[in-house]
């Protein structure tokens, strides 16, 4: 089997880009240009983590509005991790066809 030089070069470029993409963690940039680059890979493997813009306490948990404008209800018993920047962050994932799950939730330390 003979492979053309162009195909081989394209394959090397693709592999290089793929390796570079996998080596870096996801960096989310807020509208105010502040960057968040500390999301753990197990939480943000599909670039699904983002800061929370607004939190409202409710009897059943917390209504969280993410920067993109979507609001979801997060239960009080959802496991939490410590936020590194004094803000709430949430990582969402899909489960099945229509269900959204919380993969990770980061809360600021209580002062």
N, C-alpha and C. Protein backbone atom coordinates (compact mmCIF):
# COMPACT_ATOMS: atom_id res chain seq x y z
N UNK A 1 0.84 -1.16 0.00
CA UNK A 1 0.00 0.00 0.00
C UNK A 1 0.89 1.24 0.00
N UNK A 2 0.56 2.16 -0.84
CA UNK A 2 1.36 3.36 -0.98
C UNK A 2 0.57 4.56 -0.45
N UNK A 3 1.18 5.35 0.44
CA UNK A 3 0.53 6.52 1.02
C UNK A 3 1.20 7.77 0.46
N UNK A 4 0.39 8.72 0.01
CA UNK A 4 0.94 9.93 -0.57
C UNK A 4 1.59 10.79 0.51
N UNK A 5 2.52 11.61 0.09
CA UNK A 5 3.21 12.51 1.01
C UNK A 5 2.22 13.48 1.66
N UNK A 6 1.24 13.97 0.89
CA UNK A 6 0.24 14.89 1.43
C UNK A 6 -0.61 14.24 2.50
N UNK A 7 -1.01 12.99 2.29
CA UNK A 7 -1.81 12.28 3.28
C UNK A 7 -1.00 12.03 4.54
N UNK A 8 0.26 11.67 4.38
CA UNK A 8 1.12 11.42 5.53
C UNK A 8 1.34 12.71 6.32
N UNK A 9 1.59 13.81 5.63
CA UNK A 9 1.78 15.09 6.30
C UNK A 9 0.51 15.50 7.04
N UNK A 10 -0.64 15.33 6.41
CA UNK A 10 -1.92 15.65 7.05
C UNK A 10 -2.14 14.82 8.30
N UNK A 11 -1.78 13.55 8.25
CA UNK A 11 -1.92 12.67 9.40
C UNK A 11 -1.04 13.12 10.56
N UNK A 12 0.21 13.51 10.26
CA UNK A 12 1.11 14.00 11.31
C UNK A 12 0.58 15.28 11.94
N UNK A 13 0.06 16.18 11.13
CA UNK A 13 -0.50 17.43 11.65
C UNK A 13 -1.70 17.13 12.54
N UNK A 14 -2.59 16.23 12.11
CA UNK A 14 -3.77 15.86 12.89
C UNK A 14 -3.37 15.26 14.24
N UNK A 15 -2.41 14.35 14.24
CA UNK A 15 -1.95 13.71 15.48
C UNK A 15 -1.32 14.75 16.40
N UNK A 16 -0.55 15.67 15.84
CA UNK A 16 0.07 16.72 16.66
C UNK A 16 -0.97 17.61 17.30
N UNK A 17 -1.98 18.01 16.53
CA UNK A 17 -3.05 18.85 17.08
C UNK A 17 -3.84 18.11 18.14
N UNK A 18 -4.13 16.85 17.91
CA UNK A 18 -4.86 16.05 18.88
C UNK A 18 -4.08 15.92 20.18
N UNK A 19 -2.79 15.68 20.09
CA UNK A 19 -1.95 15.57 21.28
C UNK A 19 -1.91 16.89 22.04
N UNK A 20 -1.77 17.98 21.33
CA UNK A 20 -1.73 19.30 21.98
C UNK A 20 -3.04 19.60 22.67
N UNK A 21 -4.16 19.25 22.04
CA UNK A 21 -5.48 19.50 22.62
C UNK A 21 -5.67 18.71 23.90
N UNK A 22 -5.25 17.46 23.92
CA UNK A 22 -5.44 16.61 25.08
C UNK A 22 -4.49 16.97 26.23
N UNK A 23 -3.38 17.61 25.94
CA UNK A 23 -2.40 17.92 26.97
C UNK A 23 -2.82 19.10 27.84
N UNK A 24 -3.68 19.99 27.32
CA UNK A 24 -4.07 21.18 28.05
C UNK A 24 -5.43 20.99 28.69
N UNK A 25 -5.58 21.54 29.90
CA UNK A 25 -6.88 21.49 30.55
C UNK A 25 -7.77 22.58 29.97
N UNK A 26 -9.05 22.44 30.20
CA UNK A 26 -10.02 23.41 29.70
C UNK A 26 -9.87 24.72 30.45
N UNK A 27 -9.85 25.81 29.73
CA UNK A 27 -9.80 27.13 30.32
C UNK A 27 -11.08 27.85 29.93
N UNK A 28 -11.85 28.27 30.93
CA UNK A 28 -13.07 29.02 30.67
C UNK A 28 -12.76 30.49 30.88
N UNK A 29 -13.21 31.33 29.97
CA UNK A 29 -13.00 32.77 30.10
C UNK A 29 -14.35 33.42 30.31
N UNK A 30 -14.47 34.16 31.41
CA UNK A 30 -15.70 34.87 31.74
C UNK A 30 -15.87 36.10 30.85
N UNK A 31 -17.07 36.67 30.82
CA UNK A 31 -17.27 37.90 30.06
C UNK A 31 -16.34 39.04 30.50
N UNK A 32 -15.90 39.03 31.76
CA UNK A 32 -14.99 40.08 32.24
C UNK A 32 -13.52 39.72 31.95
N UNK A 33 -13.30 38.69 31.13
CA UNK A 33 -11.97 38.23 30.71
C UNK A 33 -11.15 37.56 31.80
N UNK A 34 -11.76 37.20 32.93
CA UNK A 34 -11.02 36.43 33.92
C UNK A 34 -11.07 34.96 33.53
N UNK A 35 -9.93 34.30 33.64
CA UNK A 35 -9.82 32.91 33.19
C UNK A 35 -9.90 31.94 34.36
N UNK A 36 -10.52 30.80 34.12
CA UNK A 36 -10.58 29.72 35.09
C UNK A 36 -9.90 28.53 34.43
N UNK A 37 -8.77 28.10 34.99
CA UNK A 37 -8.03 27.00 34.37
C UNK A 37 -7.79 25.85 35.33
N UNK A 38 -8.41 25.85 36.49
CA UNK A 38 -8.12 24.84 37.51
C UNK A 38 -9.15 23.72 37.57
N UNK A 39 -10.11 23.68 36.67
CA UNK A 39 -11.10 22.61 36.72
C UNK A 39 -10.42 21.25 36.55
N UNK A 40 -10.70 20.30 37.44
CA UNK A 40 -10.10 18.96 37.30
C UNK A 40 -10.62 18.26 36.05
N UNK A 41 -9.78 17.46 35.46
CA UNK A 41 -10.14 16.76 34.23
C UNK A 41 -11.36 15.86 34.41
N UNK A 42 -11.50 15.22 35.58
CA UNK A 42 -12.65 14.33 35.78
C UNK A 42 -13.97 15.10 35.84
N UNK A 43 -13.90 16.39 36.10
CA UNK A 43 -15.12 17.20 36.12
C UNK A 43 -15.40 17.84 34.76
N UNK A 44 -14.36 18.23 34.11
CA UNK A 44 -14.51 19.09 32.93
C UNK A 44 -13.91 18.47 31.68
N UNK A 45 -14.04 17.18 31.53
CA UNK A 45 -13.44 16.51 30.38
C UNK A 45 -14.07 16.89 29.06
N UNK A 46 -15.29 17.38 29.07
CA UNK A 46 -15.94 17.81 27.83
C UNK A 46 -16.17 19.31 27.81
N UNK A 47 -15.37 20.04 28.55
CA UNK A 47 -15.48 21.49 28.63
C UNK A 47 -16.87 21.93 29.06
N UNK A 48 -17.38 21.27 30.09
CA UNK A 48 -18.74 21.52 30.54
C UNK A 48 -18.81 22.20 31.90
N UNK A 49 -17.71 22.81 32.35
CA UNK A 49 -17.67 23.53 33.61
C UNK A 49 -17.73 25.03 33.35
N UNK A 50 -18.37 25.73 34.26
CA UNK A 50 -18.42 27.18 34.15
C UNK A 50 -18.78 27.83 35.47
N UNK A 51 -18.38 29.09 35.63
CA UNK A 51 -18.74 29.80 36.85
C UNK A 51 -20.25 30.03 36.91
N UNK A 52 -20.72 30.17 38.13
CA UNK A 52 -22.13 30.44 38.37
C UNK A 52 -22.27 31.95 38.57
N UNK A 53 -23.20 32.56 37.86
CA UNK A 53 -23.39 34.00 37.94
C UNK A 53 -24.28 34.40 39.11
N UNK A 54 -25.24 33.52 39.46
CA UNK A 54 -26.20 33.87 40.51
C UNK A 54 -26.65 32.61 41.24
N UNK A 55 -26.75 32.69 42.57
CA UNK A 55 -27.23 31.57 43.40
C UNK A 55 -28.39 32.08 44.25
N UNK A 56 -29.50 31.35 44.20
CA UNK A 56 -30.65 31.64 45.06
C UNK A 56 -30.94 30.42 45.90
N UNK A 57 -31.07 30.61 47.20
CA UNK A 57 -31.38 29.51 48.11
C UNK A 57 -32.87 29.22 48.00
N UNK A 58 -33.20 27.92 47.94
CA UNK A 58 -34.58 27.45 47.88
C UNK A 58 -34.74 26.31 48.87
N UNK A 59 -35.97 25.99 49.29
CA UNK A 59 -36.17 24.89 50.23
C UNK A 59 -35.60 23.56 49.73
N UNK A 60 -35.65 23.33 48.43
CA UNK A 60 -35.17 22.06 47.88
C UNK A 60 -33.70 22.08 47.46
N UNK A 61 -33.03 23.24 47.61
CA UNK A 61 -31.62 23.32 47.23
C UNK A 61 -31.22 24.72 46.82
N UNK A 62 -30.53 24.81 45.70
CA UNK A 62 -30.05 26.09 45.19
C UNK A 62 -30.41 26.23 43.72
N UNK A 63 -30.98 27.36 43.34
CA UNK A 63 -31.17 27.69 41.93
C UNK A 63 -29.90 28.39 41.49
N UNK A 64 -29.22 27.80 40.52
CA UNK A 64 -27.96 28.36 40.04
C UNK A 64 -28.10 28.78 38.59
N UNK A 65 -27.75 30.04 38.35
CA UNK A 65 -27.76 30.57 37.00
C UNK A 65 -26.32 30.65 36.53
N UNK A 66 -26.01 29.94 35.46
CA UNK A 66 -24.64 29.94 34.94
C UNK A 66 -24.45 31.16 34.05
N UNK A 67 -23.24 31.45 33.70
CA UNK A 67 -22.92 32.65 32.93
C UNK A 67 -23.69 32.70 31.62
N UNK A 68 -23.93 31.56 31.00
CA UNK A 68 -24.67 31.54 29.74
C UNK A 68 -26.15 31.86 29.89
N UNK A 69 -26.66 31.93 31.13
CA UNK A 69 -28.04 32.31 31.36
C UNK A 69 -28.96 31.16 31.77
N UNK A 70 -28.51 29.93 31.62
CA UNK A 70 -29.33 28.77 31.99
C UNK A 70 -29.39 28.65 33.52
N UNK A 71 -30.58 28.34 34.05
CA UNK A 71 -30.76 28.17 35.48
C UNK A 71 -31.18 26.74 35.77
N UNK A 72 -30.52 26.13 36.75
CA UNK A 72 -30.86 24.75 37.14
C UNK A 72 -30.98 24.67 38.65
N UNK A 73 -31.74 23.69 39.11
CA UNK A 73 -31.89 23.44 40.53
C UNK A 73 -30.88 22.38 40.95
N UNK A 74 -30.08 22.70 41.96
CA UNK A 74 -29.07 21.79 42.48
C UNK A 74 -29.49 21.43 43.90
N UNK A 75 -29.60 20.13 44.18
CA UNK A 75 -30.02 19.67 45.50
C UNK A 75 -29.02 20.03 46.59
N UNK A 76 -29.54 20.16 47.81
CA UNK A 76 -28.69 20.50 48.95
C UNK A 76 -27.65 19.42 49.25
N UNK A 77 -27.96 18.17 48.92
CA UNK A 77 -27.06 17.07 49.24
C UNK A 77 -26.06 16.75 48.14
N UNK A 78 -26.01 17.58 47.11
CA UNK A 78 -25.04 17.38 46.02
C UNK A 78 -23.62 17.52 46.58
N UNK A 79 -22.73 16.55 46.33
CA UNK A 79 -21.35 16.66 46.83
C UNK A 79 -20.69 17.92 46.30
N UNK A 80 -19.90 18.57 47.14
CA UNK A 80 -19.24 19.82 46.76
C UNK A 80 -17.74 19.72 46.97
N UNK A 81 -17.06 20.49 46.18
CA UNK A 81 -15.61 20.64 46.32
C UNK A 81 -15.33 22.11 46.61
N UNK A 82 -14.14 22.39 47.10
CA UNK A 82 -13.75 23.75 47.42
C UNK A 82 -13.36 24.50 46.15
N UNK A 83 -13.95 25.68 45.96
CA UNK A 83 -13.61 26.54 44.83
C UNK A 83 -12.27 27.20 45.11
N UNK A 84 -11.50 27.44 44.06
CA UNK A 84 -10.20 28.06 44.23
C UNK A 84 -10.22 29.57 44.06
N UNK A 85 -11.38 30.13 43.70
CA UNK A 85 -11.41 31.57 43.43
C UNK A 85 -12.56 32.31 44.12
N UNK A 86 -13.10 31.74 45.18
CA UNK A 86 -14.13 32.39 45.97
C UNK A 86 -15.46 32.56 45.23
N UNK A 87 -15.68 31.75 44.18
CA UNK A 87 -16.94 31.78 43.44
C UNK A 87 -17.48 30.37 43.32
N UNK A 88 -18.79 30.27 43.08
CA UNK A 88 -19.41 28.99 42.77
C UNK A 88 -19.09 28.63 41.32
N UNK A 89 -18.92 27.33 41.06
CA UNK A 89 -18.71 26.80 39.71
C UNK A 89 -19.48 25.49 39.62
N UNK A 90 -19.95 25.17 38.42
CA UNK A 90 -20.69 23.92 38.23
C UNK A 90 -20.26 23.27 36.92
N UNK A 91 -20.18 21.96 36.95
CA UNK A 91 -19.85 21.17 35.77
C UNK A 91 -21.05 20.27 35.48
N UNK A 92 -21.65 20.45 34.33
CA UNK A 92 -22.85 19.69 33.98
C UNK A 92 -22.52 18.65 32.92
N UNK A 93 -23.27 17.58 32.94
CA UNK A 93 -23.11 16.53 31.94
C UNK A 93 -24.45 15.96 31.56
N UNK A 94 -24.47 15.25 30.49
CA UNK A 94 -25.71 14.62 30.01
C UNK A 94 -25.79 13.19 30.52
N UNK A 95 -26.99 12.78 30.83
CA UNK A 95 -27.25 11.41 31.26
C UNK A 95 -28.48 10.95 30.50
N UNK A 96 -28.32 10.01 29.63
CA UNK A 96 -29.45 9.59 28.80
C UNK A 96 -29.75 10.63 27.74
N UNK A 97 -31.00 10.68 27.32
CA UNK A 97 -31.36 11.59 26.24
C UNK A 97 -31.73 12.98 26.72
N UNK A 98 -32.37 13.10 27.88
CA UNK A 98 -32.88 14.40 28.30
C UNK A 98 -32.45 14.84 29.68
N UNK A 99 -31.68 14.04 30.38
CA UNK A 99 -31.32 14.37 31.76
C UNK A 99 -29.97 15.08 31.82
N UNK A 100 -29.92 16.11 32.64
CA UNK A 100 -28.68 16.83 32.91
C UNK A 100 -28.26 16.48 34.34
N UNK A 101 -27.00 16.13 34.50
CA UNK A 101 -26.50 15.79 35.83
C UNK A 101 -25.38 16.76 36.23
N UNK A 102 -25.20 16.90 37.52
CA UNK A 102 -24.10 17.70 38.05
C UNK A 102 -22.91 16.76 38.20
N UNK A 103 -21.86 17.03 37.44
CA UNK A 103 -20.65 16.21 37.53
C UNK A 103 -19.79 16.67 38.71
N UNK A 104 -19.66 17.99 38.89
CA UNK A 104 -18.93 18.54 40.00
C UNK A 104 -19.53 19.90 40.36
N UNK A 105 -19.48 20.21 41.62
CA UNK A 105 -19.97 21.50 42.11
C UNK A 105 -18.90 22.06 43.04
N UNK A 106 -18.50 23.29 42.79
CA UNK A 106 -17.46 23.94 43.59
C UNK A 106 -18.09 25.11 44.33
N UNK A 107 -17.85 25.17 45.65
CA UNK A 107 -18.39 26.27 46.44
C UNK A 107 -17.26 27.05 47.07
N UNK A 108 -17.46 28.35 47.25
CA UNK A 108 -16.42 29.15 47.91
C UNK A 108 -16.36 28.79 49.39
N UNK A 109 -15.19 28.97 49.99
CA UNK A 109 -15.08 28.68 51.43
C UNK A 109 -15.94 29.64 52.24
N UNK A 110 -16.44 29.16 53.35
CA UNK A 110 -17.21 30.01 54.25
C UNK A 110 -16.24 30.83 55.08
N UNK A 111 -16.45 32.10 55.08
CA UNK A 111 -15.53 33.01 55.80
C UNK A 111 -16.13 33.41 57.12
